[in-house]
Amino acid sequence: MIISVIMCGMSLAFVAALGWKIFQLVKAPRDAALRAVTLCLISAAASFLLARQPFAGWIVSMGGPGAPRLVQNLFVLSMVYWLMCFYLYSAAADAAEGNRRARREALLLALAAIGLITATVAAGVHDHGANFRESDLRDPAMVSFYLVADAYLVYALLMALRWTCAYARASQRPLATGLWLAAVSTGAMAASCTIRAVLTVIRWQGATAPQAVTWASSVIIALAVPLFLIGVSYPGAATRIAAMRVRRQHRRMYHRLGPLWQMLHEAYPEHSLYRVPARPWRDYLLPLGVHRRYYRRVIECRDGLVRISPHLTPTAGPLEDQPGWADDLADQLHAALLSDQPQAAPAQAVAVAMPLTQTLEDDVRQLAQLSDAVRRRRRLAGAKHTD
């Protein structure tokens, strides 16, 4: 039961990672490094699916008992090749250099693929399609198959490990975290392939391989694959989570500024930066919609305060040292907007609700405190009116 849950979780994580990379590739089809990562994940998915029913049965009917194993290993080799290509394209000075390096590595991939195909054909009727544990490794063809596959996998994984560690040391979080996870998983996969190559030679010589070593090799690869997926997905997931956190904060501040904005908008409707009626559902369906509305509201609030500021009494000293400044300023705003001359020239403007530090976050925080005071004043006025 636990293994089934883990496998289901891994499958969902893999599908999510693959779907996200495909989405990114559709938006940037000329990004060679992104294309390499996407093809790496597609190859991994193909190697997993095609080795299982009903796909394996279809492949057996077309190519014989050893065909599913051959197809699976070809996609595994393709997976590590595209992983190497990601670093080749990333480290290249230009696209032409990256393509040259990728073509040079493709020759080794082609040689390894030819070796696997030749070994499978040579096995002929003696090949029953068994996996590594059940294969008769006294057959030179089967020994050649696994040694060629493991040799290429170890080479490609060690190359990828070297580049991954170099990029991880030069990167910042969250990218560095994802790269280190990928480095650990890549090193583990290289170690597993090395162990399997040694076991292949031992069984070829007629000796019995220790069960503990065989089990350790299987466990290492079983843990390394999901760890690699986590490492690949972690930077993007962390970035999206951070973006969602900022979006949620902007939406909260947008609504918090509502009372102040409404008061100033009723007095100065010409300051509106967006005359089309807003649609709340756009905040949820369009990723940038809430940010646009948030920045517009901040600007419109500040423009309104600049416009009405000549009718307000400037606050002496830092606002942080005056706990009741927001309520006092809310009362002044209400009185000024009800006066006969709320229209003031911008040249006569004075500083109103300005923070000590000139940052957008601090400015919005001051405006939000003033807006809270406006809301409290409205509630108090409504309670008195009811009484």
Protein backbone atom coordinates (compact mmCIF):
# COMPACT_ATOMS: atom_id res chain seq x y z
CA MET A 1 0.00 0.00 0.00
CA ILE A 2 2.77 2.43 0.97
CA ILE A 3 4.73 1.61 -2.18
CA SER A 4 1.63 2.22 -4.30
CA VAL A 5 1.08 5.62 -2.68
CA ILE A 6 4.74 6.55 -3.24
CA MET A 7 4.58 5.46 -6.87
CA CYS A 8 1.37 7.42 -7.39
CA GLY A 9 2.93 10.51 -5.83
CA MET A 10 6.03 10.14 -7.99
CA SER A 11 3.90 9.77 -11.10
CA LEU A 12 1.90 12.89 -10.30
CA ALA A 13 5.08 14.87 -9.57
CA PHE A 14 6.62 13.66 -12.81
CA VAL A 15 3.53 14.55 -14.85
CA ALA A 16 3.46 18.00 -13.22
CA ALA A 17 7.16 18.58 -13.96
CA LEU A 18 6.81 17.41 -17.55
CA GLY A 19 3.68 19.46 -18.12
CA TRP A 20 5.35 22.58 -16.74
CA LYS A 21 8.41 22.14 -18.97
CA ILE A 22 6.22 21.59 -22.04
CA PHE A 23 4.28 24.75 -21.16
CA GLN A 24 7.53 26.71 -20.86
CA LEU A 25 8.82 25.27 -24.14
CA VAL A 26 5.66 26.31 -25.98
CA LYS A 27 6.25 29.87 -24.75
CA ALA A 28 9.98 29.79 -25.67
CA PRO A 29 10.43 27.25 -28.50
CA ARG A 30 13.90 28.61 -29.43
CA ASP A 31 15.37 27.97 -25.97
CA ALA A 32 17.74 25.06 -26.67
CA ALA A 33 18.51 24.37 -22.99
CA LEU A 34 14.82 24.26 -22.11
CA ARG A 35 14.17 21.99 -25.07
CA ALA A 36 16.90 19.62 -23.84
CA VAL A 37 15.36 19.41 -20.35
CA THR A 38 11.92 18.77 -21.84
CA LEU A 39 13.22 16.00 -24.11
CA CYS A 40 15.09 14.52 -21.13
CA LEU A 41 11.82 14.24 -19.20
CA ILE A 42 9.95 12.93 -22.24
CA SER A 43 12.60 10.23 -22.72
CA ALA A 44 12.33 9.27 -19.06
CA ALA A 45 8.55 9.02 -19.35
CA ALA A 46 8.83 6.90 -22.51
CA SER A 47 11.35 4.53 -20.91
CA PHE A 48 8.98 4.01 -17.98
CA LEU A 49 5.76 3.57 -19.96
CA LEU A 50 6.99 1.46 -22.87
CA ALA A 51 8.40 -1.21 -20.54
CA ARG A 52 4.92 -1.87 -19.13
CA GLN A 53 1.73 -3.39 -20.42
CA PRO A 54 0.07 -3.00 -22.80
CA PHE A 55 2.91 -1.17 -24.56
CA ALA A 56 5.47 -3.91 -23.86
CA GLY A 57 3.14 -6.51 -25.41
CA TRP A 58 2.76 -4.46 -28.57
CA ILE A 59 6.53 -4.05 -28.85
CA VAL A 60 7.07 -7.80 -28.34
CA SER A 61 4.60 -8.59 -31.11
CA MET A 62 6.53 -6.36 -33.50
CA GLY A 63 10.17 -6.93 -32.48
CA GLY A 64 10.44 -10.06 -30.38
CA PRO A 65 10.95 -10.77 -26.64
CA GLY A 66 14.01 -8.54 -26.26
CA ALA A 67 12.50 -5.53 -28.02
CA PRO A 68 10.90 -3.92 -24.90
CA ARG A 69 14.21 -4.03 -23.04
CA LEU A 70 15.98 -2.55 -26.05
CA VAL A 71 13.44 0.26 -26.44
CA GLN A 72 13.51 1.04 -22.73
CA ASN A 73 17.31 1.26 -22.62
CA LEU A 74 17.45 3.36 -25.78
CA PHE A 75 15.17 5.90 -24.14
CA VAL A 76 17.24 5.79 -20.94
CA LEU A 77 20.35 6.56 -23.00
CA SER A 78 18.43 9.33 -24.72
CA MET A 79 17.42 10.72 -21.33
CA VAL A 80 21.00 11.11 -20.09
CA TYR A 81 22.10 12.44 -23.49
CA TRP A 82 19.55 15.26 -23.33
CA LEU A 83 20.60 15.89 -19.75
CA MET A 84 24.13 16.44 -21.01
CA CYS A 85 22.80 18.64 -23.82
CA PHE A 86 21.16 20.93 -21.28
CA TYR A 87 24.59 21.77 -19.87
CA LEU A 88 26.18 21.90 -23.31
CA TYR A 89 23.67 24.50 -24.46
CA SER A 90 23.84 26.41 -21.16
CA ALA A 91 27.63 26.62 -21.15
CA ALA A 92 28.02 27.38 -24.87
CA ALA A 93 28.92 30.90 -25.94
CA ASP A 94 26.25 30.81 -28.66
CA ALA A 95 23.70 28.46 -30.22
CA ALA A 96 26.10 27.30 -32.94
CA GLU A 97 28.70 26.16 -30.42
CA GLY A 98 26.04 24.37 -28.38
CA ASN A 99 24.80 22.57 -31.48
CA ARG A 100 28.35 21.48 -32.38
CA ARG A 101 28.91 20.03 -28.92
CA ALA A 102 25.53 18.29 -28.97
CA ARG A 103 26.26 16.72 -32.38
CA ARG A 104 29.63 15.51 -31.13
CA GLU A 105 28.01 13.83 -28.13
CA ALA A 106 25.30 12.42 -30.41
CA LEU A 107 27.96 10.32 -32.14
CA LEU A 108 28.68 8.50 -28.88
CA LEU A 109 24.96 8.04 -28.33
CA ALA A 110 24.61 6.59 -31.82
CA LEU A 111 27.49 4.18 -31.23
CA ALA A 112 25.95 3.04 -27.94
CA ALA A 113 22.56 2.59 -29.61
CA ILE A 114 24.11 0.55 -32.42
CA GLY A 115 25.81 -1.60 -29.80
CA LEU A 116 22.52 -2.29 -28.01
CA ILE A 117 20.72 -3.10 -31.25
CA THR A 118 23.53 -5.40 -32.39
CA ALA A 119 23.57 -7.21 -29.04
CA THR A 120 19.81 -7.69 -29.10
CA VAL A 121 19.89 -9.10 -32.63
CA ALA A 122 22.83 -11.35 -31.71
CA ALA A 123 20.94 -12.76 -28.72
CA GLY A 124 18.31 -14.06 -31.15
CA VAL A 125 16.22 -17.01 -29.96
CA HIS A 126 18.18 -17.20 -26.67
CA ASP A 127 16.75 -13.86 -25.60
CA HIS A 128 13.57 -14.36 -23.59
CA GLY A 129 13.14 -10.71 -22.71
CA ALA A 130 14.17 -11.16 -19.08
CA ASN A 131 15.28 -8.23 -16.95
CA PHE A 132 18.79 -7.76 -15.56
CA ARG A 133 18.30 -10.04 -12.55
CA GLU A 134 16.86 -12.91 -14.60
CA SER A 135 19.00 -12.59 -17.75
CA ASP A 136 21.54 -15.28 -18.63
CA LEU A 137 24.72 -13.25 -18.52
CA ARG A 138 26.82 -16.19 -19.69
CA ASP A 139 25.58 -15.20 -23.15
CA PRO A 140 28.17 -12.79 -24.63
CA ALA A 141 25.42 -10.88 -26.44
CA MET A 142 23.59 -10.09 -23.19
CA VAL A 143 26.85 -9.18 -21.47
CA SER A 144 27.68 -6.79 -24.30
CA PHE A 145 24.19 -5.28 -24.10
CA TYR A 146 24.43 -4.38 -20.43
CA LEU A 147 28.09 -3.33 -20.50
CA VAL A 148 27.55 -0.97 -23.43
CA ALA A 149 24.47 0.53 -21.78
CA ASP A 150 26.15 0.94 -18.39
CA ALA A 151 29.35 2.35 -19.88
CA TYR A 152 27.47 5.10 -21.72
CA LEU A 153 25.23 5.82 -18.73
CA VAL A 154 28.19 6.17 -16.37
CA TYR A 155 30.00 8.47 -18.83
CA ALA A 156 27.00 10.71 -19.44
CA LEU A 157 25.96 10.84 -15.79
CA LEU A 158 29.46 11.72 -14.59
CA MET A 159 29.70 14.49 -17.17
CA ALA A 160 26.33 15.81 -16.05
CA LEU A 161 27.38 15.51 -12.40
CA ARG A 162 30.49 17.61 -13.00
CA TRP A 163 28.50 20.38 -14.66
CA THR A 164 25.70 20.19 -12.10
CA CYS A 165 28.12 20.70 -9.21
CA ALA A 166 29.81 23.59 -11.01
CA TYR A 167 26.49 25.33 -11.68
CA ALA A 168 25.25 24.65 -8.13
CA ARG A 169 28.33 26.32 -6.61
CA ALA A 170 27.81 29.39 -8.78
CA SER A 171 24.03 29.67 -8.28
CA GLN A 172 21.80 31.19 -5.64
CA ARG A 173 18.77 29.68 -3.96
CA PRO A 174 16.35 28.22 -4.96
CA LEU A 175 18.22 27.20 -8.12
CA ALA A 176 21.26 26.05 -6.15
CA THR A 177 19.10 23.83 -3.93
CA GLY A 178 17.52 22.14 -6.94
CA LEU A 179 20.90 21.67 -8.59
CA TRP A 180 22.43 20.08 -5.50
CA LEU A 181 19.48 17.68 -5.28
CA ALA A 182 19.98 16.85 -8.96
CA ALA A 183 23.71 16.39 -8.34
CA VAL A 184 23.12 13.92 -5.53
CA SER A 185 20.63 11.96 -7.63
CA THR A 186 22.90 12.00 -10.69
CA GLY A 187 25.84 10.74 -8.64
CA ALA A 188 23.65 8.02 -7.15
CA MET A 189 22.49 6.90 -10.59
CA ALA A 190 26.10 6.79 -11.82
CA ALA A 191 27.03 4.70 -8.78
CA SER A 192 24.12 2.33 -9.44
CA CYS A 193 25.15 1.89 -13.07
CA THR A 194 28.75 1.25 -12.01
CA ILE A 195 27.61 -1.41 -9.54
CA ARG A 196 25.49 -3.04 -12.23
CA ALA A 197 28.45 -3.13 -14.62
CA VAL A 198 30.57 -4.85 -11.97
CA LEU A 199 27.76 -7.33 -11.30
CA THR A 200 27.51 -8.02 -15.02
CA VAL A 201 31.19 -8.97 -15.20
CA ILE A 202 30.90 -11.12 -12.06
CA ARG A 203 27.95 -13.07 -13.44
CA TRP A 204 29.62 -13.35 -16.84
CA GLN A 205 32.53 -15.12 -15.16
CA GLY A 206 30.10 -17.61 -13.64
CA ALA A 207 30.31 -16.31 -10.09
CA THR A 208 27.29 -15.47 -7.96
CA ALA A 209 26.72 -11.82 -7.23
CA PRO A 210 25.93 -10.97 -3.57
CA GLN A 211 22.23 -10.36 -3.11
CA ALA A 212 22.92 -7.40 -0.85
CA VAL A 213 24.87 -5.64 -3.60
CA THR A 214 22.15 -6.32 -6.16
CA TRP A 215 19.52 -5.07 -3.74
CA ALA A 216 21.57 -1.95 -2.95
CA SER A 217 21.90 -1.14 -6.64
CA SER A 218 18.13 -1.38 -7.11
CA VAL A 219 17.40 0.74 -4.04
CA ILE A 220 19.85 3.43 -5.12
CA ILE A 221 18.27 3.83 -8.54
CA ALA A 222 14.76 3.70 -7.03
CA LEU A 223 15.62 6.62 -4.73
CA ALA A 224 17.72 8.56 -7.22
CA VAL A 225 15.06 8.89 -9.92
CA PRO A 226 12.42 10.66 -7.77
CA LEU A 227 15.15 12.77 -6.17
CA PHE A 228 16.24 13.88 -9.65
CA LEU A 229 12.66 14.85 -10.49
CA ILE A 230 12.43 16.83 -7.28
CA GLY A 231 15.70 18.59 -8.05
CA VAL A 232 14.60 19.50 -11.56
CA SER A 233 11.20 20.73 -10.37
CA TYR A 234 12.26 22.46 -7.16
CA PRO A 235 13.50 25.82 -8.57
CA GLY A 236 10.39 26.31 -10.69
CA ALA A 237 8.07 25.21 -7.89
CA ALA A 238 9.77 27.48 -5.36
CA THR A 239 9.56 30.41 -7.77
CA ARG A 240 5.86 29.79 -8.42
CA ILE A 241 5.15 29.51 -4.70
CA ALA A 242 6.95 32.80 -4.08
CA ALA A 243 5.00 34.41 -6.94
CA MET A 244 1.73 33.13 -5.49
CA ARG A 245 2.70 34.56 -2.11
CA VAL A 246 3.35 37.99 -3.66
CA ARG A 247 0.13 37.78 -5.63
CA ARG A 248 -1.85 36.95 -2.49
CA GLN A 249 -0.19 39.86 -0.66
CA HIS A 250 -1.00 42.28 -3.49
CA ARG A 251 -4.60 41.13 -3.58
CA ARG A 252 -4.91 41.63 0.18
CA MET A 253 -3.37 45.11 0.03
CA TYR A 254 -5.53 45.98 -2.98
CA HIS A 255 -8.67 45.36 -0.95
CA ARG A 256 -7.18 46.99 2.13
CA LEU A 257 -6.61 50.22 0.18
CA GLY A 258 -10.25 50.19 -0.95
CA PRO A 259 -11.72 52.70 1.55
CA LEU A 260 -9.02 55.32 0.92
CA TRP A 261 -9.18 54.79 -2.83
CA GLN A 262 -12.98 55.07 -2.88
CA MET A 263 -12.92 58.33 -0.93
CA LEU A 264 -10.33 59.90 -3.25
CA HIS A 265 -11.83 58.41 -6.42
CA GLU A 266 -15.23 59.97 -5.67
CA ALA A 267 -13.55 63.37 -5.29
CA TYR A 268 -11.17 63.04 -8.25
CA PRO A 269 -12.56 60.52 -10.75
CA GLU A 270 -10.32 61.95 -13.46
CA HIS A 271 -7.31 60.37 -11.74
CA SER A 272 -8.49 56.90 -12.65
CA LEU A 273 -5.89 55.09 -14.76
CA TYR A 274 -8.34 52.51 -16.04
CA ARG A 275 -11.80 53.59 -17.12
CA VAL A 276 -13.16 50.13 -18.05
CA PRO A 277 -15.07 48.48 -15.16
CA ALA A 278 -12.91 45.98 -13.30
CA ARG A 279 -13.81 42.30 -13.24
CA PRO A 280 -12.84 40.48 -10.03
CA TRP A 281 -12.50 37.09 -11.75
CA ARG A 282 -9.53 38.44 -13.69
CA ASP A 283 -7.53 38.47 -10.44
CA TYR A 284 -7.80 34.69 -10.35
CA LEU A 285 -7.63 33.75 -14.02
CA LEU A 286 -4.95 36.20 -15.20
CA PRO A 287 -1.63 35.92 -13.30
CA LEU A 288 -0.72 39.59 -13.85
CA GLY A 289 -4.22 41.00 -13.41
CA VAL A 290 -4.03 41.48 -9.66
CA HIS A 291 -0.60 43.14 -9.91
CA ARG A 292 -1.84 45.68 -12.46
CA ARG A 293 -4.88 46.57 -10.35
CA TYR A 294 -2.75 46.76 -7.21
CA TYR A 295 -0.22 49.20 -8.71
CA ARG A 296 -3.00 51.29 -10.27
CA ARG A 297 -4.74 51.59 -6.92
CA VAL A 298 -1.51 52.62 -5.16
CA ILE A 299 -0.79 55.28 -7.80
CA GLU A 300 -4.36 56.60 -7.76
CA CYS A 301 -4.34 56.83 -3.96
CA ARG A 302 -1.06 58.71 -3.97
CA ASP A 303 -2.24 61.06 -6.78
CA GLY A 304 -5.39 61.82 -4.82
CA LEU A 305 -3.42 62.62 -1.67
CA VAL A 306 -1.12 64.92 -3.63
CA ARG A 307 -4.19 66.71 -5.02
CA ILE A 308 -5.84 67.22 -1.62
CA SER A 309 -2.61 67.76 0.36
CA PRO A 310 -2.70 71.63 0.33
CA HIS A 311 -5.87 71.43 2.44
CA LEU A 312 -4.21 69.15 5.01
CA THR A 313 -2.01 70.02 7.95
CA PRO A 314 1.53 68.64 7.43
CA THR A 315 2.58 66.20 10.12
CA ALA A 316 5.68 67.21 12.05
CA GLY A 317 8.26 64.51 12.58
CA PRO A 318 8.26 60.84 11.56
CA LEU A 319 4.85 59.20 11.42
CA GLU A 320 6.25 56.13 13.21
CA ASP A 321 6.58 58.30 16.35
CA GLN A 322 2.91 59.40 16.24
CA PRO A 323 0.56 56.44 16.89
CA GLY A 324 -2.64 58.34 16.09
CA TRP A 325 -1.49 59.98 12.86
CA ALA A 326 -3.66 57.84 10.60
CA ASP A 327 -6.91 58.64 12.46
CA ASP A 328 -6.07 62.36 12.58
CA LEU A 329 -5.28 62.38 8.86
CA ALA A 330 -8.48 60.49 8.07
CA ASP A 331 -10.47 63.19 9.87
CA GLN A 332 -8.62 65.90 7.93
CA LEU A 333 -9.28 64.11 4.65
CA HIS A 334 -12.98 63.88 5.37
CA ALA A 335 -13.19 67.54 6.32
CA ALA A 336 -11.13 68.68 3.32
CA LEU A 337 -13.16 66.67 0.81
CA LEU A 338 -16.39 68.13 2.21
CA SER A 339 -15.08 71.71 1.97
CA ASP A 340 -16.06 74.08 -0.77
CA GLN A 341 -12.62 74.00 -2.47
CA PRO A 342 -11.28 70.42 -2.62
CA GLN A 343 -9.65 71.11 -5.97
CA ALA A 344 -6.09 72.23 -5.30
CA ALA A 345 -3.22 72.86 -7.69
CA PRO A 346 -0.56 70.14 -7.70
CA ALA A 347 2.19 72.77 -7.39
CA GLN A 348 1.02 73.52 -3.84
CA ALA A 349 1.31 69.88 -2.78
CA VAL A 350 2.90 68.88 0.53
CA ALA A 351 4.09 65.53 1.81
CA VAL A 352 1.26 63.40 3.21
CA ALA A 353 1.66 59.98 4.85
CA MET A 354 5.18 59.63 3.53
CA PRO A 355 7.39 56.84 4.96
CA LEU A 356 10.92 57.35 6.27
CA THR A 357 12.40 55.12 3.55
CA GLN A 358 11.57 55.68 -0.11
CA THR A 359 10.44 52.17 -1.01
CA LEU A 360 7.20 51.05 -2.56
CA GLU A 361 6.52 48.55 0.23
CA ASP A 362 6.85 51.20 2.95
CA ASP A 363 4.76 53.67 0.96
CA VAL A 364 1.98 51.12 0.52
CA ARG A 365 2.16 50.27 4.22
CA GLN A 366 1.55 53.93 5.11
CA LEU A 367 -1.33 54.17 2.67
CA ALA A 368 -2.82 50.97 4.08
CA GLN A 369 -2.71 52.35 7.63
CA LEU A 370 -4.46 55.49 6.44
CA SER A 371 -7.04 53.40 4.60
CA ASP A 372 -7.67 51.39 7.77
CA ALA A 373 -8.29 54.63 9.61
CA VAL A 374 -10.76 55.72 6.92
CA ARG A 375 -12.57 52.41 7.32
CA ARG A 376 -12.74 52.82 11.10
CA ARG A 377 -14.06 56.35 10.72
CA ARG A 378 -16.80 55.14 8.37
CA ARG A 379 -17.85 52.42 10.77
CA LEU A 380 -17.91 54.85 13.68
CA ALA A 381 -19.95 57.34 11.64
CA GLY A 382 -22.35 54.61 10.59
CA ALA A 383 -22.79 53.49 14.20
CA LYS A 384 -23.54 57.03 15.33
CA HIS A 385 -26.01 57.49 12.47
CA THR A 386 -27.81 54.30 13.49
CA ASP A 387 -28.04 55.47 17.09
